[in-house]
Amino acid sequence: QKPMNRLPVTAAGHAALEDELQHRTRVERARLIQRIQEAIADDSNLAENSEYQAAKTDQEINEARIAELEDKLA
């Protein structure tokens, strides 16, 4: 288990984190999947497909932030 080094969050702060989490899971996740699919359709050589690589990196960043938000809201 993680040490208890959590700080209290205001109601407004909690709502803002929930809003960001919802946006990232509902909107951003779908948008990034679409970007990845389009990049694959444009060039199936993924090793040299820079748009695919960029989209995958953005997806990893988004998923990491989702995990961070879920942890903060837990």
C-alpha atoms as a PDB file:
ATOM      1  CA  GLN A   1       0.000   0.000   0.000  1.00  0.00           C
ATOM      2  CA  LYS A   2       1.003   3.587  -0.594  1.00  0.00           C
ATOM      3  CA  PRO A   3       1.822   5.806   2.363  1.00  0.00           C
ATOM      4  CA  MET A   4      -0.905   8.195   3.423  1.00  0.00           C
ATOM      5  CA  ASN A   5       0.539  11.376   1.945  1.00  0.00           C
ATOM      6  CA  ARG A   6      -2.714  12.569   0.477  1.00  0.00           C
ATOM      7  CA  LEU A   7      -3.850  16.133   0.761  1.00  0.00           C
ATOM      8  CA  PRO A   8      -7.478  17.088   1.228  1.00  0.00           C
ATOM      9  CA  VAL A   9      -9.222  18.344  -1.907  1.00  0.00           C
ATOM     10  CA  THR A  10     -11.930  20.995  -1.972  1.00  0.00           C
ATOM     11  CA  ALA A  11     -15.320  20.090  -3.402  1.00  0.00           C
ATOM     12  CA  ALA A  12     -14.574  22.287  -6.423  1.00  0.00           C
ATOM     13  CA  GLY A  13     -11.156  20.668  -6.850  1.00  0.00           C
ATOM     14  CA  HIS A  14     -12.715  17.197  -6.620  1.00  0.00           C
ATOM     15  CA  ALA A  15     -15.336  18.136  -9.222  1.00  0.00           C
ATOM     16  CA  ALA A  16     -12.611  19.488 -11.540  1.00  0.00           C
ATOM     17  CA  LEU A  17     -10.669  16.216 -11.249  1.00  0.00           C
ATOM     18  CA  GLU A  18     -13.843  14.222 -11.963  1.00  0.00           C
ATOM     19  CA  ASP A  19     -14.596  16.417 -14.994  1.00  0.00           C
ATOM     20  CA  GLU A  20     -11.075  15.892 -16.347  1.00  0.00           C
ATOM     21  CA  LEU A  21     -11.322  12.145 -15.747  1.00  0.00           C
ATOM     22  CA  GLN A  22     -14.660  11.965 -17.588  1.00  0.00           C
ATOM     23  CA  HIS A  23     -13.291  13.985 -20.511  1.00  0.00           C
ATOM     24  CA  ARG A  24     -10.170  11.826 -20.756  1.00  0.00           C
ATOM     25  CA  THR A  25     -12.078   8.520 -20.583  1.00  0.00           C
ATOM     26  CA  ARG A  26     -15.048   9.444 -22.791  1.00  0.00           C
ATOM     27  CA  VAL A  27     -13.694  11.967 -25.295  1.00  0.00           C
ATOM     28  CA  GLU A  28      -9.908  11.852 -25.385  1.00  0.00           C
ATOM     29  CA  ARG A  29      -9.606   8.049 -25.270  1.00  0.00           C
ATOM     30  CA  ALA A  30     -11.953   7.664 -28.271  1.00  0.00           C
ATOM     31  CA  ARG A  31     -10.248  10.491 -30.182  1.00  0.00           C
ATOM     32  CA  LEU A  32      -6.817   8.895 -29.713  1.00  0.00           C
ATOM     33  CA  ILE A  33      -8.083   5.468 -30.799  1.00  0.00           C
ATOM     34  CA  GLN A  34      -9.483   7.119 -33.944  1.00  0.00           C
ATOM     35  CA  ARG A  35      -6.131   8.840 -34.580  1.00  0.00           C
ATOM     36  CA  ILE A  36      -4.279   5.536 -34.205  1.00  0.00           C
ATOM     37  CA  GLN A  37      -6.687   3.759 -36.579  1.00  0.00           C
ATOM     38  CA  GLU A  38      -6.329   6.521 -39.171  1.00  0.00           C
ATOM     39  CA  ALA A  39      -2.535   6.427 -38.895  1.00  0.00           C
ATOM     40  CA  ILE A  40      -2.538   2.639 -39.420  1.00  0.00           C
ATOM     41  CA  ALA A  41      -4.819   3.038 -42.441  1.00  0.00           C
ATOM     42  CA  ASP A  42      -2.460   5.641 -43.929  1.00  0.00           C
ATOM     43  CA  ASP A  43       0.707   3.560 -43.434  1.00  0.00           C
ATOM     44  CA  SER A  44       0.764   0.008 -42.101  1.00  0.00           C
ATOM     45  CA  ASN A  45       4.549   0.125 -41.555  1.00  0.00           C
ATOM     46  CA  LEU A  46       4.155   1.125 -37.912  1.00  0.00           C
ATOM     47  CA  ALA A  47       7.890   1.264 -37.154  1.00  0.00           C
ATOM     48  CA  GLU A  48       8.287   4.189 -39.570  1.00  0.00           C
ATOM     49  CA  ASN A  49       4.811   5.692 -39.183  1.00  0.00           C
ATOM     50  CA  SER A  50       5.470   8.902 -37.243  1.00  0.00           C
ATOM     51  CA  GLU A  51       1.780   9.795 -36.852  1.00  0.00           C
ATOM     52  CA  TYR A  52       1.111   6.351 -35.378  1.00  0.00           C
ATOM     53  CA  GLN A  53       4.066   6.696 -32.998  1.00  0.00           C
ATOM     54  CA  ALA A  54       2.905  10.168 -31.902  1.00  0.00           C
ATOM     55  CA  ALA A  55      -0.675   8.982 -31.372  1.00  0.00           C
ATOM     56  CA  LYS A  56       0.513   5.976 -29.335  1.00  0.00           C
ATOM     57  CA  THR A  57       2.658   8.264 -27.169  1.00  0.00           C
ATOM     58  CA  ASP A  58      -0.295  10.614 -26.619  1.00  0.00           C
ATOM     59  CA  GLN A  59      -2.449   7.597 -25.756  1.00  0.00           C
ATOM     60  CA  GLU A  60       0.092   6.408 -23.166  1.00  0.00           C
ATOM     61  CA  ILE A  61       0.193   9.893 -21.616  1.00  0.00           C
ATOM     62  CA  ASN A  62      -3.617  10.028 -21.501  1.00  0.00           C
ATOM     63  CA  GLU A  63      -3.873   6.567 -19.909  1.00  0.00           C
ATOM     64  CA  ALA A  64      -1.241   7.489 -17.308  1.00  0.00           C
ATOM     65  CA  ARG A  65      -3.185  10.646 -16.425  1.00  0.00           C
ATOM     66  CA  ILE A  66      -6.427   8.636 -16.187  1.00  0.00           C
ATOM     67  CA  ALA A  67      -4.729   6.258 -13.733  1.00  0.00           C
ATOM     68  CA  GLU A  68      -3.390   9.230 -11.748  1.00  0.00           C
ATOM     69  CA  LEU A  69      -6.831  10.849 -11.580  1.00  0.00           C
ATOM     70  CA  GLU A  70      -8.503   7.584 -10.555  1.00  0.00           C
ATOM     71  CA  ASP A  71      -5.912   7.233  -7.787  1.00  0.00           C
ATOM     72  CA  LYS A  72      -6.459  10.796  -6.584  1.00  0.00           C
ATOM     73  CA  LEU A  73     -10.225  10.353  -6.564  1.00  0.00           C
ATOM     74  CA  ALA A  74     -10.111   6.963  -4.815  1.00  0.00           C
END
